[in-house]
Amino acid sequence: DLVAASGGGLDPDISLAGALYQAERVATARHISPDLVRKLVRDTASAPGGVFAPEPIGNVLELNLALDRLAQ
């Protein structure tokens, strides 16, 4: 999910592992602690459940909104 977009390119969800993998880069770009980014990734993740999505997913939109609130 880090190298391919959804069919419409607008899917706000990526794997939790994919979101955490990018935490250092996001922290550098936002000038904040990587630990804070990882916490926000986990806080904004959801667990949709079910057979097709049993693992938690990271919501990129929610994460970016949380990061924007920090900057204000």
PDB file of N, CA and C in Angstrom:
ATOM      1  N   ASP A   1       0.812  -1.203   0.000  1.00  0.00           N
ATOM      2  CA  ASP A   1       0.000   0.000   0.000  1.00  0.00           C
ATOM      3  C   ASP A   1       0.853   1.264   0.000  1.00  0.00           C
ATOM      4  N   LEU A   2       2.152   1.132   0.143  1.00  0.00           N
ATOM      5  CA  LEU A   2       3.029   2.301   0.124  1.00  0.00           C
ATOM      6  C   LEU A   2       3.412   2.714  -1.289  1.00  0.00           C
ATOM      7  N   VAL A   3       3.287   1.817  -2.252  1.00  0.00           N
ATOM      8  CA  VAL A   3       3.705   2.142  -3.617  1.00  0.00           C
ATOM      9  C   VAL A   3       2.555   2.176  -4.606  1.00  0.00           C
ATOM     10  N   ALA A   4       1.366   1.817  -4.192  1.00  0.00           N
ATOM     11  CA  ALA A   4       0.223   1.800  -5.099  1.00  0.00           C
ATOM     12  C   ALA A   4      -0.948   2.553  -4.484  1.00  0.00           C
ATOM     13  N   ALA A   5      -1.699   3.217  -5.328  1.00  0.00           N
ATOM     14  CA  ALA A   5      -2.891   3.948  -4.877  1.00  0.00           C
ATOM     15  C   ALA A   5      -4.114   3.053  -5.012  1.00  0.00           C
ATOM     16  N   SER A   6      -5.189   3.457  -4.370  1.00  0.00           N
ATOM     17  CA  SER A   6      -6.445   2.743  -4.540  1.00  0.00           C
ATOM     18  C   SER A   6      -6.951   2.979  -5.953  1.00  0.00           C
ATOM     19  N   GLY A   7      -8.025   2.320  -6.308  1.00  0.00           N
ATOM     20  CA  GLY A   7      -8.585   2.465  -7.649  1.00  0.00           C
ATOM     21  C   GLY A   7      -8.833   3.912  -8.032  1.00  0.00           C
ATOM     22  N   GLY A   8      -9.395   4.688  -7.124  1.00  0.00           N
ATOM     23  CA  GLY A   8      -9.651   6.102  -7.391  1.00  0.00           C
ATOM     24  C   GLY A   8      -8.531   7.007  -6.909  1.00  0.00           C
ATOM     25  N   GLY A   9      -7.571   6.438  -6.207  1.00  0.00           N
ATOM     26  CA  GLY A   9      -6.473   7.225  -5.680  1.00  0.00           C
ATOM     27  C   GLY A   9      -6.856   8.080  -4.483  1.00  0.00           C
ATOM     28  N   LEU A  10      -8.036   7.832  -3.924  1.00  0.00           N
ATOM     29  CA  LEU A  10      -8.532   8.677  -2.839  1.00  0.00           C
ATOM     30  C   LEU A  10      -8.742   7.929  -1.529  1.00  0.00           C
ATOM     31  N   ASP A  11      -8.357   6.679  -1.472  1.00  0.00           N
ATOM     32  CA  ASP A  11      -8.564   5.890  -0.269  1.00  0.00           C
ATOM     33  C   ASP A  11      -7.718   6.447   0.864  1.00  0.00           C
ATOM     34  N   PRO A  12      -8.348   6.846   1.983  1.00  0.00           N
ATOM     35  CA  PRO A  12      -7.573   7.449   3.077  1.00  0.00           C
ATOM     36  C   PRO A  12      -6.903   6.421   3.986  1.00  0.00           C
ATOM     37  N   ASP A  13      -7.115   5.137   3.738  1.00  0.00           N
ATOM     38  CA  ASP A  13      -6.618   4.107   4.645  1.00  0.00           C
ATOM     39  C   ASP A  13      -5.402   3.390   4.078  1.00  0.00           C
ATOM     40  N   ILE A  14      -4.414   3.170   4.947  1.00  0.00           N
ATOM     41  CA  ILE A  14      -3.263   2.330   4.616  1.00  0.00           C
ATOM     42  C   ILE A  14      -3.039   1.397   5.794  1.00  0.00           C
ATOM     43  N   SER A  15      -2.204   0.419   5.600  1.00  0.00           N
ATOM     44  CA  SER A  15      -1.928  -0.506   6.707  1.00  0.00           C
ATOM     45  C   SER A  15      -1.281   0.267   7.858  1.00  0.00           C
ATOM     46  N   LEU A  16      -1.501  -0.222   9.044  1.00  0.00           N
ATOM     47  CA  LEU A  16      -0.885   0.405  10.215  1.00  0.00           C
ATOM     48  C   LEU A  16       0.635   0.316  10.103  1.00  0.00           C
ATOM     49  N   ALA A  17       1.138  -0.806   9.611  1.00  0.00           N
ATOM     50  CA  ALA A  17       2.584  -0.958   9.424  1.00  0.00           C
ATOM     51  C   ALA A  17       3.105   0.064   8.417  1.00  0.00           C
ATOM     52  N   GLY A  18       2.344   0.314   7.350  1.00  0.00           N
ATOM     53  CA  GLY A  18       2.754   1.304   6.357  1.00  0.00           C
ATOM     54  C   GLY A  18       2.793   2.705   6.928  1.00  0.00           C
ATOM     55  N   ALA A  19       1.816   3.025   7.751  1.00  0.00           N
ATOM     56  CA  ALA A  19       1.787   4.342   8.379  1.00  0.00           C
ATOM     57  C   ALA A  19       2.947   4.518   9.362  1.00  0.00           C
ATOM     58  N   LEU A  20       3.202   3.486  10.148  1.00  0.00           N
ATOM     59  CA  LEU A  20       4.299   3.566  11.111  1.00  0.00           C
ATOM     60  C   LEU A  20       5.650   3.622  10.414  1.00  0.00           C
ATOM     61  N   TYR A  21       5.767   2.959   9.278  1.00  0.00           N
ATOM     62  CA  TYR A  21       7.007   2.979   8.505  1.00  0.00           C
ATOM     63  C   TYR A  21       7.377   4.404   8.089  1.00  0.00           C
ATOM     64  N   GLN A  22       6.379   5.220   7.845  1.00  0.00           N
ATOM     65  CA  GLN A  22       6.608   6.587   7.376  1.00  0.00           C
ATOM     66  C   GLN A  22       6.711   7.614   8.495  1.00  0.00           C
ATOM     67  N   ALA A  23       6.629   7.177   9.749  1.00  0.00           N
ATOM     68  CA  ALA A  23       6.602   8.104  10.883  1.00  0.00           C
ATOM     69  C   ALA A  23       7.826   9.013  10.939  1.00  0.00           C
ATOM     70  N   GLU A  24       9.005   8.467  10.697  1.00  0.00           N
ATOM     71  CA  GLU A  24      10.229   9.291  10.744  1.00  0.00           C
ATOM     72  C   GLU A  24      10.171  10.410   9.706  1.00  0.00           C
ATOM     73  N   ARG A  25       9.755  10.073   8.498  1.00  0.00           N
ATOM     74  CA  ARG A  25       9.689  11.062   7.421  1.00  0.00           C
ATOM     75  C   ARG A  25       8.650  12.148   7.729  1.00  0.00           C
ATOM     76  N   VAL A  26       7.509  11.734   8.251  1.00  0.00           N
ATOM     77  CA  VAL A  26       6.468  12.695   8.615  1.00  0.00           C
ATOM     78  C   VAL A  26       6.962  13.600   9.742  1.00  0.00           C
ATOM     79  N   ALA A  27       7.617  13.010  10.734  1.00  0.00           N
ATOM     80  CA  ALA A  27       8.143  13.794  11.860  1.00  0.00           C
ATOM     81  C   ALA A  27       9.150  14.827  11.381  1.00  0.00           C
ATOM     82  N   THR A  28      10.024  14.437  10.480  1.00  0.00           N
ATOM     83  CA  THR A  28      11.018  15.367   9.939  1.00  0.00           C
ATOM     84  C   THR A  28      10.332  16.503   9.191  1.00  0.00           C
ATOM     85  N   ALA A  29       9.357  16.170   8.367  1.00  0.00           N
ATOM     86  CA  ALA A  29       8.655  17.186   7.582  1.00  0.00           C
ATOM     87  C   ALA A  29       7.843  18.134   8.464  1.00  0.00           C
ATOM     88  N   ARG A  30       7.315  17.606   9.562  1.00  0.00           N
ATOM     89  CA  ARG A  30       6.472  18.408  10.461  1.00  0.00           C
ATOM     90  C   ARG A  30       7.262  19.025  11.617  1.00  0.00           C
ATOM     91  N   HIS A  31       8.546  18.698  11.727  1.00  0.00           N
ATOM     92  CA  HIS A  31       9.410  19.213  12.795  1.00  0.00           C
ATOM     93  C   HIS A  31       8.877  18.847  14.182  1.00  0.00           C
ATOM     94  N   ILE A  32       8.499  17.582  14.324  1.00  0.00           N
ATOM     95  CA  ILE A  32       8.026  17.073  15.614  1.00  0.00           C
ATOM     96  C   ILE A  32       8.698  15.730  15.888  1.00  0.00           C
ATOM     97  N   SER A  33       8.480  15.220  17.057  1.00  0.00           N
ATOM     98  CA  SER A  33       9.080  13.965  17.496  1.00  0.00           C
ATOM     99  C   SER A  33       8.483  12.769  16.737  1.00  0.00           C
ATOM    100  N   PRO A  34       9.338  11.842  16.293  1.00  0.00           N
ATOM    101  CA  PRO A  34       8.821  10.612  15.679  1.00  0.00           C
ATOM    102  C   PRO A  34       7.921   9.817  16.628  1.00  0.00           C
ATOM    103  N   ASP A  35       8.229   9.852  17.927  1.00  0.00           N
ATOM    104  CA  ASP A  35       7.381   9.156  18.895  1.00  0.00           C
ATOM    105  C   ASP A  35       5.977   9.745  18.928  1.00  0.00           C
ATOM    106  N   LEU A  36       5.883  11.062  18.794  1.00  0.00           N
ATOM    107  CA  LEU A  36       4.572  11.708  18.762  1.00  0.00           C
ATOM    108  C   LEU A  36       3.812  11.299  17.504  1.00  0.00           C
ATOM    109  N   VAL A  37       4.486  11.236  16.381  1.00  0.00           N
ATOM    110  CA  VAL A  37       3.830  10.810  15.142  1.00  0.00           C
ATOM    111  C   VAL A  37       3.339   9.372  15.291  1.00  0.00           C
ATOM    112  N   ARG A  38       4.176   8.484  15.832  1.00  0.00           N
ATOM    113  CA  ARG A  38       3.753   7.096  16.021  1.00  0.00           C
ATOM    114  C   ARG A  38       2.544   7.003  16.951  1.00  0.00           C
ATOM    115  N   LYS A  39       2.519   7.825  17.994  1.00  0.00           N
ATOM    116  CA  LYS A  39       1.362   7.838  18.897  1.00  0.00           C
ATOM    117  C   LYS A  39       0.106   8.279  18.155  1.00  0.00           C
ATOM    118  N   LEU A  40       0.227   9.333  17.356  1.00  0.00           N
ATOM    119  CA  LEU A  40      -0.928   9.814  16.597  1.00  0.00           C
ATOM    120  C   LEU A  40      -1.382   8.792  15.559  1.00  0.00           C
ATOM    121  N   VAL A  41      -0.440   8.091  14.947  1.00  0.00           N
ATOM    122  CA  VAL A  41      -0.804   7.033  13.998  1.00  0.00           C
ATOM    123  C   VAL A  41      -1.662   5.996  14.707  1.00  0.00           C
ATOM    124  N   ARG A  42      -1.225   5.578  15.878  1.00  0.00           N
ATOM    125  CA  ARG A  42      -1.990   4.568  16.626  1.00  0.00           C
ATOM    126  C   ARG A  42      -3.327   5.115  17.120  1.00  0.00           C
ATOM    127  N   ASP A  43      -3.333   6.390  17.546  1.00  0.00           N
ATOM    128  CA  ASP A  43      -4.568   6.997  18.051  1.00  0.00           C
ATOM    129  C   ASP A  43      -5.614   7.170  16.959  1.00  0.00           C
ATOM    130  N   THR A  44      -5.176   7.399  15.725  1.00  0.00           N
ATOM    131  CA  THR A  44      -6.126   7.632  14.626  1.00  0.00           C
ATOM    132  C   THR A  44      -6.422   6.360  13.834  1.00  0.00           C
ATOM    133  N   ALA A  45      -5.789   5.252  14.205  1.00  0.00           N
ATOM    134  CA  ALA A  45      -6.038   3.980  13.524  1.00  0.00           C
ATOM    135  C   ALA A  45      -7.402   3.430  13.934  1.00  0.00           C
ATOM    136  N   SER A  46      -7.927   2.594  13.069  1.00  0.00           N
ATOM    137  CA  SER A  46      -9.185   1.935  13.400  1.00  0.00           C
ATOM    138  C   SER A  46      -9.043   0.450  13.106  1.00  0.00           C
ATOM    139  N   ALA A  47      -9.877  -0.315  13.736  1.00  0.00           N
ATOM    140  CA  ALA A  47      -9.902  -1.761  13.521  1.00  0.00           C
ATOM    141  C   ALA A  47     -11.269  -2.111  12.951  1.00  0.00           C
ATOM    142  N   PRO A  48     -11.376  -2.149  11.623  1.00  0.00           N
ATOM    143  CA  PRO A  48     -12.686  -2.359  11.019  1.00  0.00           C
ATOM    144  C   PRO A  48     -13.259  -3.742  11.277  1.00  0.00           C
ATOM    145  N   GLY A  49     -12.397  -4.688  11.534  1.00  0.00           N
ATOM    146  CA  GLY A  49     -12.857  -6.040  11.830  1.00  0.00           C
ATOM    147  C   GLY A  49     -13.338  -6.765  10.588  1.00  0.00           C
ATOM    148  N   GLY A  50     -13.897  -7.897  10.811  1.00  0.00           N
ATOM    149  CA  GLY A  50     -14.406  -8.685   9.699  1.00  0.00           C
ATOM    150  C   GLY A  50     -13.340  -9.548   9.052  1.00  0.00           C
ATOM    151  N   VAL A  51     -13.758 -10.366   8.135  1.00  0.00           N
ATOM    152  CA  VAL A  51     -12.876 -11.302   7.458  1.00  0.00           C
ATOM    153  C   VAL A  51     -11.896 -10.589   6.536  1.00  0.00           C
ATOM    154  N   PHE A  52     -12.330  -9.517   5.899  1.00  0.00           N
ATOM    155  CA  PHE A  52     -11.514  -8.862   4.886  1.00  0.00           C
ATOM    156  C   PHE A  52     -10.534  -7.836   5.448  1.00  0.00           C
ATOM    157  N   ALA A  53     -10.750  -7.377   6.657  1.00  0.00           N
ATOM    158  CA  ALA A  53      -9.863  -6.364   7.239  1.00  0.00           C
ATOM    159  C   ALA A  53      -9.695  -6.603   8.735  1.00  0.00           C
ATOM    160  N   PRO A  54      -9.052  -7.709   9.117  1.00  0.00           N
ATOM    161  CA  PRO A  54      -8.921  -8.006  10.545  1.00  0.00           C
ATOM    162  C   PRO A  54      -7.862  -7.167  11.253  1.00  0.00           C
ATOM    163  N   GLU A  55      -6.927  -6.602  10.514  1.00  0.00           N
ATOM    164  CA  GLU A  55      -5.840  -5.830  11.096  1.00  0.00           C
ATOM    165  C   GLU A  55      -6.216  -4.351  11.195  1.00  0.00           C
ATOM    166  N   PRO A  56      -5.686  -3.637  12.189  1.00  0.00           N
ATOM    167  CA  PRO A  56      -5.927  -2.195  12.275  1.00  0.00           C
ATOM    168  C   PRO A  56      -5.385  -1.487  11.029  1.00  0.00           C
ATOM    169  N   ILE A  57      -6.047  -0.420  10.655  1.00  0.00           N
ATOM    170  CA  ILE A  57      -5.610   0.369   9.507  1.00  0.00           C
ATOM    171  C   ILE A  57      -5.383   1.811   9.938  1.00  0.00           C
ATOM    172  N   GLY A  58      -4.474   2.466   9.261  1.00  0.00           N
ATOM    173  CA  GLY A  58      -4.191   3.870   9.536  1.00  0.00           C
ATOM    174  C   GLY A  58      -4.984   4.750   8.594  1.00  0.00           C
ATOM    175  N   ASN A  59      -5.647   5.746   9.137  1.00  0.00           N
ATOM    176  CA  ASN A  59      -6.413   6.679   8.326  1.00  0.00           C
ATOM    177  C   ASN A  59      -5.553   7.913   8.096  1.00  0.00           C
ATOM    178  N   VAL A  60      -5.082   8.078   6.877  1.00  0.00           N
ATOM    179  CA  VAL A  60      -4.163   9.167   6.544  1.00  0.00           C
ATOM    180  C   VAL A  60      -4.831  10.522   6.740  1.00  0.00           C
ATOM    181  N   LEU A  61      -6.089  10.641   6.373  1.00  0.00           N
ATOM    182  CA  LEU A  61      -6.802  11.908   6.538  1.00  0.00           C
ATOM    183  C   LEU A  61      -6.887  12.293   8.009  1.00  0.00           C
ATOM    184  N   GLU A  62      -7.315  11.357   8.855  1.00  0.00           N
ATOM    185  CA  GLU A  62      -7.426  11.649  10.287  1.00  0.00           C
ATOM    186  C   GLU A  62      -6.069  11.994  10.891  1.00  0.00           C
ATOM    187  N   LEU A  63      -5.031  11.283  10.466  1.00  0.00           N
ATOM    188  CA  LEU A  63      -3.690  11.572  10.959  1.00  0.00           C
ATOM    189  C   LEU A  63      -3.259  12.979  10.561  1.00  0.00           C
ATOM    190  N   ASN A  64      -3.463  13.356   9.319  1.00  0.00           N
ATOM    191  CA  ASN A  64      -3.082  14.697   8.873  1.00  0.00           C
ATOM    192  C   ASN A  64      -3.867  15.783   9.585  1.00  0.00           C
ATOM    193  N   LEU A  65      -5.141  15.527   9.835  1.00  0.00           N
ATOM    194  CA  LEU A  65      -5.937  16.507  10.602  1.00  0.00           C
ATOM    195  C   LEU A  65      -5.394  16.655  12.023  1.00  0.00           C
ATOM    196  N   ALA A  66      -5.026  15.543  12.656  1.00  0.00           N
ATOM    197  CA  ALA A  66      -4.456  15.599  14.006  1.00  0.00           C
ATOM    198  C   ALA A  66      -3.119  16.345  13.999  1.00  0.00           C
ATOM    199  N   LEU A  67      -2.303  16.100  12.989  1.00  0.00           N
ATOM    200  CA  LEU A  67      -1.030  16.793  12.880  1.00  0.00           C
ATOM    201  C   LEU A  67      -1.236  18.281  12.644  1.00  0.00           C
ATOM    202  N   ASP A  68      -2.218  18.641  11.835  1.00  0.00           N
ATOM    203  CA  ASP A  68      -2.527  20.056  11.605  1.00  0.00           C
ATOM    204  C   ASP A  68      -2.980  20.752  12.879  1.00  0.00           C
ATOM    205  N   ARG A  69      -3.784  20.037  13.704  1.00  0.00           N
ATOM    206  CA  ARG A  69      -4.239  20.622  14.973  1.00  0.00           C
ATOM    207  C   ARG A  69      -3.047  20.909  15.893  1.00  0.00           C
ATOM    208  N   LEU A  70      -2.059  20.037  15.868  1.00  0.00           N
ATOM    209  CA  LEU A  70      -0.864  20.262  16.683  1.00  0.00           C
ATOM    210  C   LEU A  70      -0.124  21.512  16.262  1.00  0.00           C
ATOM    211  N   ALA A  71      -0.122  21.793  14.978  1.00  0.00           N
ATOM    212  CA  ALA A  71       0.631  22.932  14.444  1.00  0.00           C
ATOM    213  C   ALA A  71      -0.043  24.267  14.760  1.00  0.00           C
ATOM    214  N   GLN A  72      -1.305  24.224  15.140  1.00  0.00           N
ATOM    215  CA  GLN A  72      -2.037  25.470  15.391  1.00  0.00           C
ATOM    216  C   GLN A  72      -1.754  26.031  16.747  1.00  0.00           C
TER     217      GLN A  72
END
